[in-house]
Amino acid sequence: MGNILKPLYYAVSWVIVTFHSILGAVFGKNSHESIKWSLSIIGLVILIRIILIPLFVKQIKSQRALTALQPHMKAIQKKYKDDRQKQSEEMMKLYKEHKTNPLASCFPIIAQAPIFFALFTVLNGIAHNHPHGVLKGDLLISAQNAKFFGADLSSSFLSTGTNTQTKIVTILLIAFMSLTTFTTQRQLMVKGMPKMDSSNNMMLQQQKIMLYVFPVIFAVSGVNFPVGVLIYWSTTNLWTLGQQFYVIKRNPTPGSPAYEELQAKRKAKGEFSATDALGAIESEIPVEAPKPAQRQQPKKGKKKK
């Protein structure tokens, strides 16, 4: 497994070292080492999230496609309510026909998993003097001495022993990581999703699982994560929260509370266009359709006698 991920160790460590070198020109070559290493991890997050923007767009499109398919999904559930296997087959067929995936909301997390694991391994290597990638020599010594509010970047809650400062910092970061995970998912469910019937709704059940299970998983497993990994995941949660807030506010899903709020604001400002009216109809907002214009019959000219 280590040999398979070795190129990823090099890639992650190279990105961090590159950001560290760039920040060296700002702060000075041999000064503020802790700040430079912490900001280098944040720089890694920003780079990865920019690369993942197309995947995020795909995630949004897939979620909206699933929303549009809700009536068909309910019809299949009603038709095959006594045959679970046939119901699943018809659901898969429906997803395939419309080129969508009910697990699309997990794609950004799945895509980041190898990077997350590589960073975990690189930071553990720093702590145990077993470097990976390009972190060697003076860079390794510098990274080993780097701290975040007094806690070593490569230390975790369980590995820190009796170091109270590190335990406090890791507990605060774990709490922040779990809270931002919960807040991000709740923002999507409360503002970004259309109102749905909660009974037998696969999409809504999936979102509820992510809302409550993921924060608990991060809280329980966070005690094993080095401080640097906790910084990485907390930063990526903040990025997701901000990115999602922008999309929900500027381009909300038709039928969602955010969409209705946006239409109400536009209508109040006199910006309610024909396109908005179409979206309003889709989201069950009553809009008066314009009366079709009657075709005028051409008038015949009177012939002169």
Protein backbone atom coordinates (compact mmCIF):
# COMPACT_ATOMS: atom_id res chain seq x y z
CA MET A 1 0.00 0.00 0.00
CA GLY A 2 2.86 2.36 0.88
CA ASN A 3 4.53 1.83 -2.51
CA ILE A 4 1.26 2.53 -4.34
CA LEU A 5 0.75 5.83 -2.50
CA LYS A 6 4.44 6.82 -2.59
CA PRO A 7 3.95 9.24 -5.55
CA LEU A 8 1.13 10.89 -3.57
CA TYR A 9 3.42 11.31 -0.54
CA TYR A 10 5.90 13.09 -2.79
CA ALA A 11 3.16 15.26 -4.32
CA VAL A 12 1.69 16.33 -0.97
CA SER A 13 5.06 16.98 0.66
CA TRP A 14 6.29 18.85 -2.45
CA VAL A 15 3.24 21.16 -2.42
CA ILE A 16 3.71 21.91 1.29
CA VAL A 17 7.44 22.56 0.86
CA THR A 18 6.78 24.78 -2.18
CA PHE A 19 4.29 26.91 -0.22
CA HIS A 20 6.79 27.01 2.65
CA SER A 21 9.47 28.36 0.27
CA ILE A 22 7.09 30.97 -1.16
CA LEU A 23 6.12 32.12 2.33
CA GLY A 24 9.83 32.29 3.17
CA ALA A 25 10.10 35.24 0.77
CA VAL A 26 7.34 36.99 2.74
CA PHE A 27 8.30 36.26 6.35
CA GLY A 28 12.02 35.70 5.92
CA LYS A 29 13.97 32.52 5.28
CA ASN A 30 14.58 31.45 8.89
CA SER A 31 11.77 33.23 10.75
CA HIS A 32 8.16 32.41 11.70
CA GLU A 33 8.63 28.73 10.81
CA SER A 34 5.48 27.61 12.67
CA ILE A 35 3.32 30.14 10.82
CA LYS A 36 4.85 29.17 7.47
CA TRP A 37 4.21 25.44 7.97
CA SER A 38 0.62 26.03 9.17
CA LEU A 39 -0.11 28.32 6.20
CA SER A 40 1.49 25.77 3.87
CA ILE A 41 -1.09 23.17 4.93
CA ILE A 42 -3.86 25.74 4.34
CA GLY A 43 -2.30 26.45 0.93
CA LEU A 44 -2.52 22.72 0.16
CA VAL A 45 -6.26 22.84 0.97
CA ILE A 46 -6.86 25.84 -1.29
CA LEU A 47 -4.99 24.22 -4.19
CA ILE A 48 -6.87 20.92 -3.83
CA ARG A 49 -10.26 22.62 -3.56
CA ILE A 50 -9.61 24.70 -6.69
CA ILE A 51 -8.75 21.48 -8.54
CA LEU A 52 -11.98 19.90 -7.23
CA ILE A 53 -14.27 22.74 -8.40
CA PRO A 54 -15.41 20.76 -11.53
CA LEU A 55 -16.32 17.85 -9.21
CA PHE A 56 -18.27 20.24 -6.98
CA VAL A 57 -20.19 21.52 -10.03
CA LYS A 58 -20.96 17.91 -11.00
CA GLN A 59 -22.17 17.29 -7.45
CA ILE A 60 -24.58 20.26 -7.64
CA LYS A 61 -25.91 19.17 -11.05
CA SER A 62 -26.45 15.62 -9.83
CA GLN A 63 -28.31 16.80 -6.72
CA ARG A 64 -30.60 18.96 -8.84
CA ALA A 65 -31.20 16.11 -11.28
CA LEU A 66 -32.21 13.90 -8.35
CA THR A 67 -34.61 16.61 -7.20
CA ALA A 68 -36.25 16.68 -10.64
CA LEU A 69 -36.58 12.88 -10.56
CA GLN A 70 -38.44 12.78 -7.23
CA PRO A 71 -41.91 12.27 -8.82
CA HIS A 72 -40.58 9.33 -10.90
CA MET A 73 -38.85 7.85 -7.85
CA LYS A 74 -42.06 8.05 -5.81
CA ALA A 75 -43.98 6.38 -8.64
CA ILE A 76 -41.48 3.50 -8.73
CA GLN A 77 -41.60 3.14 -4.93
CA LYS A 78 -45.41 3.03 -5.02
CA LYS A 79 -45.56 0.59 -7.95
CA TYR A 80 -43.02 -1.87 -6.52
CA LYS A 81 -43.61 -1.31 -2.79
CA ASP A 82 -43.82 -5.09 -2.21
CA ASP A 83 -40.79 -5.98 -4.34
CA ARG A 84 -37.59 -4.33 -3.04
CA GLN A 85 -35.35 -5.97 -5.62
CA LYS A 86 -37.45 -4.78 -8.57
CA GLN A 87 -37.70 -1.34 -6.96
CA SER A 88 -33.90 -1.10 -6.74
CA GLU A 89 -33.50 -2.28 -10.33
CA GLU A 90 -35.95 0.33 -11.62
CA MET A 91 -34.24 3.05 -9.55
CA MET A 92 -30.83 2.15 -11.00
CA LYS A 93 -32.34 2.16 -14.47
CA LEU A 94 -33.81 5.62 -13.83
CA TYR A 95 -30.44 6.98 -12.60
CA LYS A 96 -28.68 5.51 -15.64
CA GLU A 97 -31.18 6.96 -18.12
CA HIS A 98 -30.82 10.45 -16.65
CA LYS A 99 -27.04 10.13 -16.04
CA THR A 100 -27.17 10.94 -12.34
CA ASN A 101 -25.89 9.34 -9.15
CA PRO A 102 -27.49 9.41 -5.67
CA LEU A 103 -24.01 9.26 -4.08
CA ALA A 104 -22.74 12.36 -5.90
CA SER A 105 -22.81 14.43 -2.70
CA CYS A 106 -20.01 12.20 -1.34
CA PHE A 107 -17.71 12.70 -4.35
CA PRO A 108 -15.66 15.65 -2.96
CA ILE A 109 -15.01 13.75 0.29
CA ILE A 110 -14.09 10.54 -1.56
CA ALA A 111 -11.76 12.46 -3.92
CA GLN A 112 -9.95 14.05 -0.96
CA ALA A 113 -9.53 10.75 0.94
CA PRO A 114 -6.18 9.76 -0.67
CA ILE A 115 -4.76 13.28 -0.09
CA PHE A 116 -6.02 13.19 3.48
CA PHE A 117 -4.32 9.82 4.05
CA ALA A 118 -1.09 10.99 2.38
CA LEU A 119 -0.94 14.11 4.58
CA PHE A 120 -1.63 11.94 7.65
CA THR A 121 1.29 9.66 6.69
CA VAL A 122 3.66 12.56 5.93
CA LEU A 123 2.94 14.25 9.28
CA ASN A 124 3.26 10.95 11.17
CA GLY A 125 6.62 10.45 9.45
CA ILE A 126 7.74 13.87 10.73
CA ALA A 127 6.75 12.95 14.30
CA HIS A 128 8.55 9.58 14.22
CA ASN A 129 11.62 10.84 12.32
CA HIS A 130 10.65 8.69 9.33
CA PRO A 131 10.28 11.24 6.51
CA HIS A 132 8.23 10.74 3.35
CA GLY A 133 8.56 12.53 0.03
CA VAL A 134 10.80 15.61 -0.13
CA LEU A 135 10.70 16.46 3.60
CA LYS A 136 14.30 15.70 4.51
CA GLY A 137 17.34 17.32 6.14
CA ASP A 138 16.85 20.86 7.40
CA LEU A 139 13.25 20.91 6.17
CA LEU A 140 12.45 17.88 8.31
CA ILE A 141 14.00 19.47 11.42
CA SER A 142 12.11 22.70 10.76
CA ALA A 143 8.80 20.83 10.33
CA GLN A 144 9.43 18.81 13.51
CA ASN A 145 9.75 22.04 15.50
CA ALA A 146 6.72 23.74 13.91
CA LYS A 147 3.82 24.44 16.24
CA PHE A 148 0.21 25.61 16.05
CA PHE A 149 -0.73 27.62 19.16
CA GLY A 150 1.91 25.69 21.12
CA ALA A 151 0.98 22.21 19.76
CA ASP A 152 3.34 20.31 17.45
CA LEU A 153 1.88 20.05 13.94
CA SER A 154 2.83 16.37 13.78
CA SER A 155 1.37 15.40 17.21
CA SER A 156 -2.11 14.04 17.94
CA PHE A 157 -4.30 13.86 21.05
CA LEU A 158 -3.33 10.23 21.76
CA SER A 159 0.38 10.59 20.92
CA THR A 160 1.04 13.71 22.95
CA GLY A 161 1.34 12.04 26.35
CA THR A 162 0.97 14.56 29.18
CA ASN A 163 1.33 17.68 27.03
CA THR A 164 -1.74 19.66 28.16
CA GLN A 165 -1.31 22.42 25.56
CA THR A 166 -1.43 19.96 22.67
CA LYS A 167 -4.46 18.16 24.14
CA ILE A 168 -6.38 21.46 24.47
CA VAL A 169 -5.53 22.52 20.89
CA THR A 170 -6.49 19.11 19.43
CA ILE A 171 -9.80 19.02 21.34
CA LEU A 172 -10.69 22.53 20.09
CA LEU A 173 -9.76 21.61 16.49
CA ILE A 174 -11.74 18.35 16.67
CA ALA A 175 -14.78 20.23 17.99
CA PHE A 176 -14.43 22.88 15.27
CA MET A 177 -14.02 20.22 12.56
CA SER A 178 -17.16 18.36 13.70
CA LEU A 179 -19.17 21.58 14.08
CA THR A 180 -18.30 22.86 10.58
CA THR A 181 -19.15 19.44 9.11
CA PHE A 182 -22.58 19.55 10.77
CA THR A 183 -23.19 23.21 9.84
CA THR A 184 -22.30 22.65 6.18
CA GLN A 185 -24.67 19.71 5.82
CA ARG A 186 -27.46 21.46 7.74
CA GLN A 187 -27.13 24.56 5.54
CA LEU A 188 -27.68 22.36 2.49
CA MET A 189 -30.72 20.62 3.96
CA VAL A 190 -32.41 23.73 5.41
CA LYS A 191 -31.73 26.24 2.62
CA GLY A 192 -30.54 24.37 -0.47
CA MET A 193 -32.92 21.43 -0.84
CA PRO A 194 -36.56 21.48 -2.02
CA LYS A 195 -39.22 20.51 0.51
CA MET A 196 -39.75 16.78 0.26
CA ASP A 197 -41.94 14.08 1.74
CA SER A 198 -39.72 12.48 4.38
CA SER A 199 -41.40 9.08 4.07
CA ASN A 200 -39.36 6.60 2.00
CA ASN A 201 -37.22 9.31 0.42
CA MET A 202 -33.78 7.94 -0.40
CA MET A 203 -32.15 11.31 -1.04
CA LEU A 204 -33.43 12.86 2.18
CA GLN A 205 -32.42 9.80 4.21
CA GLN A 206 -28.92 9.98 2.73
CA GLN A 207 -28.63 13.65 3.65
CA LYS A 208 -29.79 12.95 7.21
CA ILE A 209 -27.17 10.22 7.60
CA MET A 210 -24.47 12.65 6.45
CA LEU A 211 -25.83 15.32 8.81
CA TYR A 212 -25.53 13.25 11.98
CA VAL A 213 -23.08 10.41 11.24
CA PHE A 214 -20.16 12.31 9.64
CA PRO A 215 -19.63 14.75 12.57
CA VAL A 216 -19.65 11.82 15.01
CA ILE A 217 -17.12 9.91 12.87
CA PHE A 218 -14.81 12.92 12.75
CA ALA A 219 -15.18 13.53 16.49
CA VAL A 220 -14.34 9.92 17.40
CA SER A 221 -11.51 9.41 14.89
CA GLY A 222 -10.09 12.94 15.37
CA VAL A 223 -8.11 11.90 18.45
CA ASN A 224 -5.80 9.95 16.10
CA PHE A 225 -5.27 12.83 13.65
CA PRO A 226 -2.12 14.97 13.84
CA VAL A 227 -2.72 18.68 14.41
CA GLY A 228 -1.74 19.39 10.80
CA VAL A 229 -4.46 17.02 9.52
CA LEU A 230 -7.03 18.68 11.79
CA ILE A 231 -6.01 22.07 10.32
CA TYR A 232 -6.39 20.61 6.82
CA TRP A 233 -9.88 19.21 7.44
CA SER A 234 -11.13 22.26 9.34
CA THR A 235 -9.95 24.51 6.49
CA THR A 236 -11.57 22.36 3.81
CA ASN A 237 -14.84 22.43 5.82
CA LEU A 238 -14.72 26.24 5.89
CA TRP A 239 -14.09 26.28 2.13
CA THR A 240 -17.06 23.95 1.53
CA LEU A 241 -19.30 26.03 3.80
CA GLY A 242 -18.42 29.27 1.96
CA GLN A 243 -18.64 27.72 -1.51
CA GLN A 244 -22.00 26.15 -0.73
CA PHE A 245 -23.33 29.40 0.79
CA TYR A 246 -22.41 31.27 -2.42
CA VAL A 247 -24.13 28.70 -4.68
CA ILE A 248 -27.26 28.53 -2.50
CA LYS A 249 -27.54 32.32 -2.42
CA ARG A 250 -26.69 33.08 -6.06
CA ASN A 251 -27.98 30.01 -7.89
CA PRO A 252 -30.34 28.07 -5.58
CA THR A 253 -32.12 24.85 -6.50
CA PRO A 254 -35.68 25.46 -7.81
CA GLY A 255 -38.20 24.71 -5.08
CA SER A 256 -35.77 25.23 -2.21
CA PRO A 257 -36.37 27.84 0.54
CA ALA A 258 -33.36 29.82 -0.75
CA TYR A 259 -34.90 29.83 -4.26
CA GLU A 260 -38.23 31.14 -2.94
CA GLU A 261 -36.45 33.87 -0.96
CA LEU A 262 -34.49 34.91 -4.05
CA GLN A 263 -37.64 35.07 -6.20
CA ALA A 264 -39.43 37.13 -3.54
CA LYS A 265 -36.54 39.62 -3.43
CA ARG A 266 -36.41 39.89 -7.21
CA LYS A 267 -40.16 40.35 -7.43
CA ALA A 268 -40.02 43.11 -4.82
CA LYS A 269 -37.33 44.85 -6.86
CA GLY A 270 -39.25 44.39 -10.12
CA GLU A 271 -36.70 41.92 -11.51
CA PHE A 272 -39.07 38.97 -11.86
CA SER A 273 -38.30 37.79 -15.39
CA ALA A 274 -39.89 35.14 -17.61
CA THR A 275 -37.10 32.71 -16.67
CA ASP A 276 -37.86 33.23 -12.99
CA ALA A 277 -41.53 32.59 -13.67
CA LEU A 278 -40.68 29.24 -15.26
CA GLY A 279 -38.61 28.29 -12.23
CA ALA A 280 -41.41 29.43 -9.95
CA ILE A 281 -43.86 27.15 -11.73
CA GLU A 282 -41.45 24.23 -11.22
CA SER A 283 -41.26 25.01 -7.51
CA GLU A 284 -45.06 25.33 -7.21
CA ILE A 285 -45.08 29.09 -6.75
CA PRO A 286 -48.24 30.40 -8.42
CA VAL A 287 -47.40 32.73 -11.27
CA GLU A 288 -49.89 34.17 -13.72
CA ALA A 289 -49.11 33.04 -17.22
CA PRO A 290 -49.40 35.74 -19.89
CA LYS A 291 -52.44 35.44 -22.16
CA PRO A 292 -51.59 34.35 -25.69
CA ALA A 293 -51.90 37.14 -28.21
CA GLN A 294 -54.68 36.68 -30.79
CA ARG A 295 -53.63 36.47 -34.39
CA GLN A 296 -54.83 39.46 -36.37
CA GLN A 297 -56.55 38.62 -39.63
CA PRO A 298 -55.26 40.64 -42.59
CA LYS A 299 -57.76 43.19 -43.82
CA LYS A 300 -58.80 43.02 -47.43
CA GLY A 301 -58.63 46.29 -49.28
CA LYS A 302 -61.82 47.48 -51.07
CA LYS A 303 -61.64 47.05 -54.79
CA LYS A 304 -62.21 50.16 -56.79
CA LYS A 305 -65.01 49.85 -59.31
